[in-house]
C-alpha atoms as a PDB file:
ATOM      1  CA  MET A   1      -5.065   3.245  31.103  1.00  0.00           C
ATOM      2  CA  ARG A   2      -2.630   4.418  28.439  1.00  0.00           C
ATOM      3  CA  VAL A   3      -1.218   1.684  26.197  1.00  0.00           C
ATOM      4  CA  LEU A   4       1.397   1.762  23.459  1.00  0.00           C
ATOM      5  CA  GLY A   5       0.614  -0.969  20.939  1.00  0.00           C
ATOM      6  CA  VAL A   6       3.537  -2.275  18.880  1.00  0.00           C
ATOM      7  CA  ASP A   7       3.082  -4.309  15.699  1.00  0.00           C
ATOM      8  CA  PRO A   8       6.714  -5.430  15.332  1.00  0.00           C
ATOM      9  CA  GLY A   9       8.530  -5.459  12.029  1.00  0.00           C
ATOM     10  CA  LEU A  10      11.913  -4.513  10.679  1.00  0.00           C
ATOM     11  CA  THR A  11      10.771  -2.578   7.620  1.00  0.00           C
ATOM     12  CA  ARG A  12       7.610  -1.139   9.191  1.00  0.00           C
ATOM     13  CA  CYS A  13       7.041  -1.295  12.950  1.00  0.00           C
ATOM     14  CA  GLY A  14       3.527  -0.072  13.693  1.00  0.00           C
ATOM     15  CA  VAL A  15       3.034   2.010  16.843  1.00  0.00           C
ATOM     16  CA  GLY A  16      -0.145   3.427  18.309  1.00  0.00           C
ATOM     17  CA  VAL A  17      -1.182   4.895  21.643  1.00  0.00           C
ATOM     18  CA  VAL A  18      -4.691   4.507  23.026  1.00  0.00           C
ATOM     19  CA  ASP A  19      -6.067   5.886  26.279  1.00  0.00           C
ATOM     20  CA  GLY A  20      -9.175   4.617  28.060  1.00  0.00           C
ATOM     21  CA  VAL A  21     -10.768   1.908  30.149  1.00  0.00           C
ATOM     22  CA  ALA A  22     -12.885  -1.103  29.283  1.00  0.00           C
ATOM     23  CA  GLY A  23     -16.525  -0.232  28.765  1.00  0.00           C
ATOM     24  CA  ARG A  24     -15.905   3.440  27.963  1.00  0.00           C
ATOM     25  CA  PRO A  25     -15.068   5.241  24.711  1.00  0.00           C
ATOM     26  CA  LEU A  26     -11.380   5.042  23.849  1.00  0.00           C
ATOM     27  CA  THR A  27      -9.140   7.846  22.590  1.00  0.00           C
ATOM     28  CA  MET A  28      -6.292   7.565  20.114  1.00  0.00           C
ATOM     29  CA  LEU A  29      -3.369   9.725  21.206  1.00  0.00           C
ATOM     30  CA  GLY A  30      -1.051   8.915  18.315  1.00  0.00           C
ATOM     31  CA  VAL A  31      -0.373   6.449  15.539  1.00  0.00           C
ATOM     32  CA  GLY A  32       2.502   5.897  13.161  1.00  0.00           C
ATOM     33  CA  VAL A  33       5.162   3.624  11.782  1.00  0.00           C
ATOM     34  CA  VAL A  34       8.845   3.349  12.579  1.00  0.00           C
ATOM     35  CA  ARG A  35      10.509   2.635   9.225  1.00  0.00           C
ATOM     36  CA  THR A  36      13.950   1.259   8.469  1.00  0.00           C
ATOM     37  CA  PRO A  37      15.751   0.982   5.123  1.00  0.00           C
ATOM     38  CA  VAL A  38      15.697  -2.528   3.684  1.00  0.00           C
ATOM     39  CA  ASP A  39      19.289  -2.254   2.510  1.00  0.00           C
ATOM     40  CA  ALA A  40      20.732  -1.196   5.896  1.00  0.00           C
ATOM     41  CA  ASP A  41      22.670  -3.590   8.139  1.00  0.00           C
ATOM     42  CA  LEU A  42      20.516  -5.486  10.606  1.00  0.00           C
ATOM     43  CA  SER A  43      22.223  -3.838  13.585  1.00  0.00           C
ATOM     44  CA  HIS A  44      21.427  -0.367  12.222  1.00  0.00           C
ATOM     45  CA  ARG A  45      17.826  -1.342  11.501  1.00  0.00           C
ATOM     46  CA  LEU A  46      17.370  -2.614  15.062  1.00  0.00           C
ATOM     47  CA  LEU A  47      18.922   0.577  16.380  1.00  0.00           C
ATOM     48  CA  ALA A  48      16.477   2.635  14.295  1.00  0.00           C
ATOM     49  CA  VAL A  49      13.540   0.614  15.688  1.00  0.00           C
ATOM     50  CA  GLU A  50      14.864   1.150  19.225  1.00  0.00           C
ATOM     51  CA  GLN A  51      15.235   4.904  18.702  1.00  0.00           C
ATOM     52  CA  GLY A  52      11.758   5.155  17.205  1.00  0.00           C
ATOM     53  CA  ILE A  53      10.106   3.249  20.050  1.00  0.00           C
ATOM     54  CA  GLU A  54      12.041   5.266  22.619  1.00  0.00           C
ATOM     55  CA  GLN A  55      10.648   8.467  21.049  1.00  0.00           C
ATOM     56  CA  TRP A  56       7.108   7.129  21.334  1.00  0.00           C
ATOM     57  CA  LEU A  57       7.658   6.070  24.964  1.00  0.00           C
ATOM     58  CA  GLU A  58       9.146   9.459  25.835  1.00  0.00           C
ATOM     59  CA  GLU A  59       6.408  11.454  24.113  1.00  0.00           C
ATOM     60  CA  HIS A  60       3.356   9.467  25.263  1.00  0.00           C
ATOM     61  CA  ARG A  61       4.508   7.901  28.563  1.00  0.00           C
ATOM     62  CA  PRO A  62       2.290   4.793  28.399  1.00  0.00           C
ATOM     63  CA  GLU A  63       1.471   2.720  31.462  1.00  0.00           C
ATOM     64  CA  TYR A  64       1.652  -0.517  29.451  1.00  0.00           C
ATOM     65  CA  VAL A  65       3.166  -1.740  26.211  1.00  0.00           C
ATOM     66  CA  ALA A  66       1.247  -4.356  24.200  1.00  0.00           C
ATOM     67  CA  VAL A  67       3.306  -6.239  21.628  1.00  0.00           C
ATOM     68  CA  GLU A  68       2.092  -8.730  19.050  1.00  0.00           C
ATOM     69  CA  ARG A  69       3.306 -12.197  19.986  1.00  0.00           C
ATOM     70  CA  VAL A  70       5.462 -13.606  17.217  1.00  0.00           C
ATOM     71  CA  PHE A  71       3.969 -16.724  15.696  1.00  0.00           C
ATOM     72  CA  SER A  72       5.502 -19.351  13.461  1.00  0.00           C
ATOM     73  CA  GLN A  73       5.513 -18.615   9.774  1.00  0.00           C
ATOM     74  CA  HIS A  74       6.859 -20.494   6.790  1.00  0.00           C
ATOM     75  CA  ASN A  75       9.270 -17.661   5.992  1.00  0.00           C
ATOM     76  CA  VAL A  76      11.981 -17.965   8.665  1.00  0.00           C
ATOM     77  CA  ARG A  77      13.650 -14.713   7.606  1.00  0.00           C
ATOM     78  CA  THR A  78      10.432 -12.756   8.143  1.00  0.00           C
ATOM     79  CA  VAL A  79       9.706 -14.325  11.524  1.00  0.00           C
ATOM     80  CA  MET A  80      13.287 -13.649  12.687  1.00  0.00           C
ATOM     81  CA  GLY A  81      13.036  -9.945  11.833  1.00  0.00           C
ATOM     82  CA  THR A  82       9.659  -9.706  13.526  1.00  0.00           C
ATOM     83  CA  ALA A  83      10.988 -11.463  16.631  1.00  0.00           C
ATOM     84  CA  GLN A  84      14.014  -9.160  16.761  1.00  0.00           C
ATOM     85  CA  ALA A  85      11.847  -6.025  16.480  1.00  0.00           C
ATOM     86  CA  SER A  86       9.535  -7.467  19.137  1.00  0.00           C
ATOM     87  CA  ALA A  87      12.485  -8.008  21.478  1.00  0.00           C
ATOM     88  CA  VAL A  88      13.624  -4.409  20.947  1.00  0.00           C
ATOM     89  CA  ALA A  89      10.145  -3.135  21.922  1.00  0.00           C
ATOM     90  CA  MET A  90      10.126  -5.300  25.058  1.00  0.00           C
ATOM     91  CA  LEU A  91      13.632  -4.166  25.975  1.00  0.00           C
ATOM     92  CA  CYS A  92      12.694  -0.478  25.620  1.00  0.00           C
ATOM     93  CA  ALA A  93       9.670  -0.965  27.872  1.00  0.00           C
ATOM     94  CA  ALA A  94      11.596  -3.012  30.451  1.00  0.00           C
ATOM     95  CA  ARG A  95      14.336  -0.378  30.600  1.00  0.00           C
ATOM     96  CA  ARG A  96      11.668   2.102  31.720  1.00  0.00           C
ATOM     97  CA  GLY A  97       9.915  -0.322  34.075  1.00  0.00           C
ATOM     98  CA  ILE A  98       6.782  -0.448  31.897  1.00  0.00           C
ATOM     99  CA  PRO A  99       4.882  -3.761  31.990  1.00  0.00           C
ATOM    100  CA  VAL A 100       4.725  -5.610  28.658  1.00  0.00           C
ATOM    101  CA  ALA A 101       1.855  -7.803  27.498  1.00  0.00           C
ATOM    102  CA  LEU A 102       2.031 -10.123  24.509  1.00  0.00           C
ATOM    103  CA  HIS A 103      -1.117 -10.785  22.481  1.00  0.00           C
ATOM    104  CA  THR A 104      -1.487 -13.229  19.593  1.00  0.00           C
ATOM    105  CA  PRO A 105      -2.771 -11.967  16.248  1.00  0.00           C
ATOM    106  CA  SER A 106      -5.957 -14.049  16.556  1.00  0.00           C
ATOM    107  CA  GLU A 107      -6.550 -12.766  20.114  1.00  0.00           C
ATOM    108  CA  VAL A 108      -6.284  -9.168  18.893  1.00  0.00           C
ATOM    109  CA  LYS A 109      -8.546  -9.791  15.909  1.00  0.00           C
ATOM    110  CA  ALA A 110     -11.139 -11.506  18.100  1.00  0.00           C
ATOM    111  CA  ALA A 111     -11.086  -8.675  20.648  1.00  0.00           C
ATOM    112  CA  VAL A 112     -11.508  -5.949  18.044  1.00  0.00           C
ATOM    113  CA  THR A 113     -13.715  -7.590  15.396  1.00  0.00           C
ATOM    114  CA  GLY A 114     -15.354 -10.526  17.166  1.00  0.00           C
ATOM    115  CA  THR A 115     -13.543 -13.147  15.090  1.00  0.00           C
ATOM    116  CA  GLY A 116      -9.966 -14.375  15.238  1.00  0.00           C
ATOM    117  CA  ARG A 117      -9.972 -14.849  11.462  1.00  0.00           C
ATOM    118  CA  ALA A 118     -10.619 -11.229  10.488  1.00  0.00           C
ATOM    119  CA  ASP A 119      -8.576  -9.782   7.660  1.00  0.00           C
ATOM    120  CA  LYS A 120      -6.546  -6.547   7.728  1.00  0.00           C
ATOM    121  CA  ALA A 121      -9.403  -4.528   6.213  1.00  0.00           C
ATOM    122  CA  GLN A 122     -11.852  -5.679   8.905  1.00  0.00           C
ATOM    123  CA  VAL A 123      -9.374  -4.832  11.674  1.00  0.00           C
ATOM    124  CA  GLY A 124      -8.755  -1.391  10.150  1.00  0.00           C
ATOM    125  CA  ALA A 125     -12.491  -0.727   9.810  1.00  0.00           C
ATOM    126  CA  MET A 126     -13.202  -1.680  13.434  1.00  0.00           C
ATOM    127  CA  VAL A 127     -10.247   0.338  14.774  1.00  0.00           C
ATOM    128  CA  THR A 128     -11.592   3.331  12.819  1.00  0.00           C
ATOM    129  CA  ARG A 129     -15.050   2.839  14.289  1.00  0.00           C
ATOM    130  CA  LEU A 130     -13.937   2.155  17.867  1.00  0.00           C
ATOM    131  CA  LEU A 131     -11.641   5.194  17.970  1.00  0.00           C
ATOM    132  CA  ARG A 132     -14.086   7.401  16.023  1.00  0.00           C
ATOM    133  CA  LEU A 133     -11.520   8.209  13.325  1.00  0.00           C
ATOM    134  CA  ALA A 134     -12.310   9.852   9.986  1.00  0.00           C
ATOM    135  CA  GLU A 135     -10.474   7.123   8.053  1.00  0.00           C
ATOM    136  CA  PRO A 136      -8.560   3.903   8.730  1.00  0.00           C
ATOM    137  CA  PRO A 137      -4.939   4.385   9.833  1.00  0.00           C
ATOM    138  CA  ARG A 138      -2.455   3.608   7.062  1.00  0.00           C
ATOM    139  CA  PRO A 139      -0.496   1.466   6.573  1.00  0.00           C
ATOM    140  CA  ALA A 140      -2.127  -1.614   8.090  1.00  0.00           C
ATOM    141  CA  ASP A 141       0.774  -1.923  10.566  1.00  0.00           C
ATOM    142  CA  ALA A 142      -0.401   1.309  12.216  1.00  0.00           C
ATOM    143  CA  ALA A 143      -3.990   0.045  12.486  1.00  0.00           C
ATOM    144  CA  ASP A 144      -2.696  -3.248  13.914  1.00  0.00           C
ATOM    145  CA  ALA A 145      -0.737  -1.364  16.590  1.00  0.00           C
ATOM    146  CA  LEU A 146      -3.906   0.473  17.652  1.00  0.00           C
ATOM    147  CA  ALA A 147      -5.791  -2.840  17.676  1.00  0.00           C
ATOM    148  CA  LEU A 148      -3.141  -4.257  20.029  1.00  0.00           C
ATOM    149  CA  ALA A 149      -3.572  -1.325  22.408  1.00  0.00           C
ATOM    150  CA  ILE A 150      -7.384  -1.674  22.314  1.00  0.00           C
ATOM    151  CA  CYS A 151      -7.127  -5.427  22.934  1.00  0.00           C
ATOM    152  CA  HIS A 152      -4.940  -4.850  25.963  1.00  0.00           C
ATOM    153  CA  ILE A 153      -7.218  -2.194  27.447  1.00  0.00           C
ATOM    154  CA  TRP A 154     -10.198  -4.499  27.109  1.00  0.00           C
ATOM    155  CA  ARG A 155      -8.504  -7.717  28.265  1.00  0.00           C
ATOM    156  CA  ALA A 156      -6.088  -6.512  30.951  1.00  0.00           C
ATOM    157  CA  PRO A 157      -8.678  -6.203  33.764  1.00  0.00           C
ATOM    158  CA  ALA A 158      -9.827  -9.812  33.292  1.00  0.00           C
ATOM    159  CA  GLN A 159      -6.246 -11.073  32.957  1.00  0.00           C
ATOM    160  CA  ASN A 160      -5.239  -9.236  36.151  1.00  0.00           C
ATOM    161  CA  ARG A 161      -8.166 -10.762  38.080  1.00  0.00           C
ATOM    162  CA  LEU A 162      -7.216 -14.223  36.798  1.00  0.00           C
ATOM    163  CA  GLN A 163      -3.559 -13.764  37.801  1.00  0.00           C
ATOM    164  CA  GLN A 164      -4.612 -12.564  41.257  1.00  0.00           C
ATOM    165  CA  ALA A 165      -6.913 -15.573  41.693  1.00  0.00           C
ATOM    166  CA  VAL A 166      -4.114 -17.970  40.696  1.00  0.00           C
ATOM    167  CA  ALA A 167      -1.735 -16.261  43.135  1.00  0.00           C
ATOM    168  CA  ARG A 168      -4.310 -16.537  45.973  1.00  0.00           C
ATOM    169  CA  HIS A 169      -4.887 -20.201  45.144  1.00  0.00           C
ATOM    170  CA  LYS A 170      -1.159 -20.962  45.206  1.00  0.00           C
ATOM    171  CA  ALA A 171      -0.728 -19.093  48.492  1.00  0.00           C
ATOM    172  CA  ALA A 172      -3.590 -21.037  50.103  1.00  0.00           C
ATOM    173  CA  ALA A 173      -2.525 -24.475  48.813  1.00  0.00           C
ATOM    174  CA  PRO A 174      -0.769 -26.699  51.356  1.00  0.00           C
ATOM    175  CA  VAL A 175       2.917 -27.313  50.735  1.00  0.00           C
ATOM    176  CA  LYS A 176       3.644 -30.944  49.951  1.00  0.00           C
ATOM    177  CA  ALA A 177       6.729 -32.589  51.360  1.00  0.00           C
ATOM    178  CA  PRO A 178       9.333 -33.506  48.754  1.00  0.00           C
ATOM    179  CA  LEU A 179       9.703 -37.156  47.816  1.00  0.00           C
ATOM    180  CA  THR A 180      12.833 -39.110  48.664  1.00  0.00           C
ATOM    181  CA  PRO A 181      14.600 -41.153  45.985  1.00  0.00           C
ATOM    182  CA  LYS A 182      12.520 -44.182  47.078  1.00  0.00           C
ATOM    183  CA  GLY A 183       9.236 -42.321  46.538  1.00  0.00           C
ATOM    184  CA  ARG A 184       8.481 -41.649  50.210  1.00  0.00           C
ATOM    185  CA  THR A 185       7.871 -38.233  51.684  1.00  0.00           C
ATOM    186  CA  ALA A 186      10.758 -36.724  53.549  1.00  0.00           C
END
C-alpha cells in the first residue's frame, strides 16, 4: 500500500509518502514540505498548496491519501488556514479518484508512539526508527506527514474490515415499515 500523508498548513504543508503493509517493514519514498509565502494573498497560497500536492500525487502515485483531521483550536485564524489546506489536499485526491482517510492527531500519535499525548520530538524519533532513517525529517511537519501515512497503513486493514462488517450487518437487517403520523406502521 502506498500512502501520501498530508499534514495540512498554509505556511508549511507537510507531505510524505510511505510504502508497505501492516506487520512488515515500511519504506519512505519521499518527504518534504510545500511552503507558501506568509504575505501572499490567501487565494495564491491555496493555489501553491494545490500545485505542490498535485506534484507529489503525480510523482508518487499513491493508492491512498491520509490527511490530518482538523481539530478545534483557540486560534481561529490558524484552524481556518489548516482546514483550507486540508480541503485542498482532499480535493486533489478526489479529482484523481484516490480514497482519502482522515486521522486525528491523537490517533496518529498513538499509532506511531503508543500514546496519544506524544510530543513532536517523540513522533519524529519513532518515524525515524520505523522508517530506518539516518535522522528525523525536518521540519516537524514533514515527520508528521510520514506519521500520518504510517498510521493509515497500520489502521486501514482493521478499518476496512469494520466497514465491511457494518455493511453486512445493515444488508442483513430486516427493513422496518415506516410509521404513520399516528405512530402505527404503514
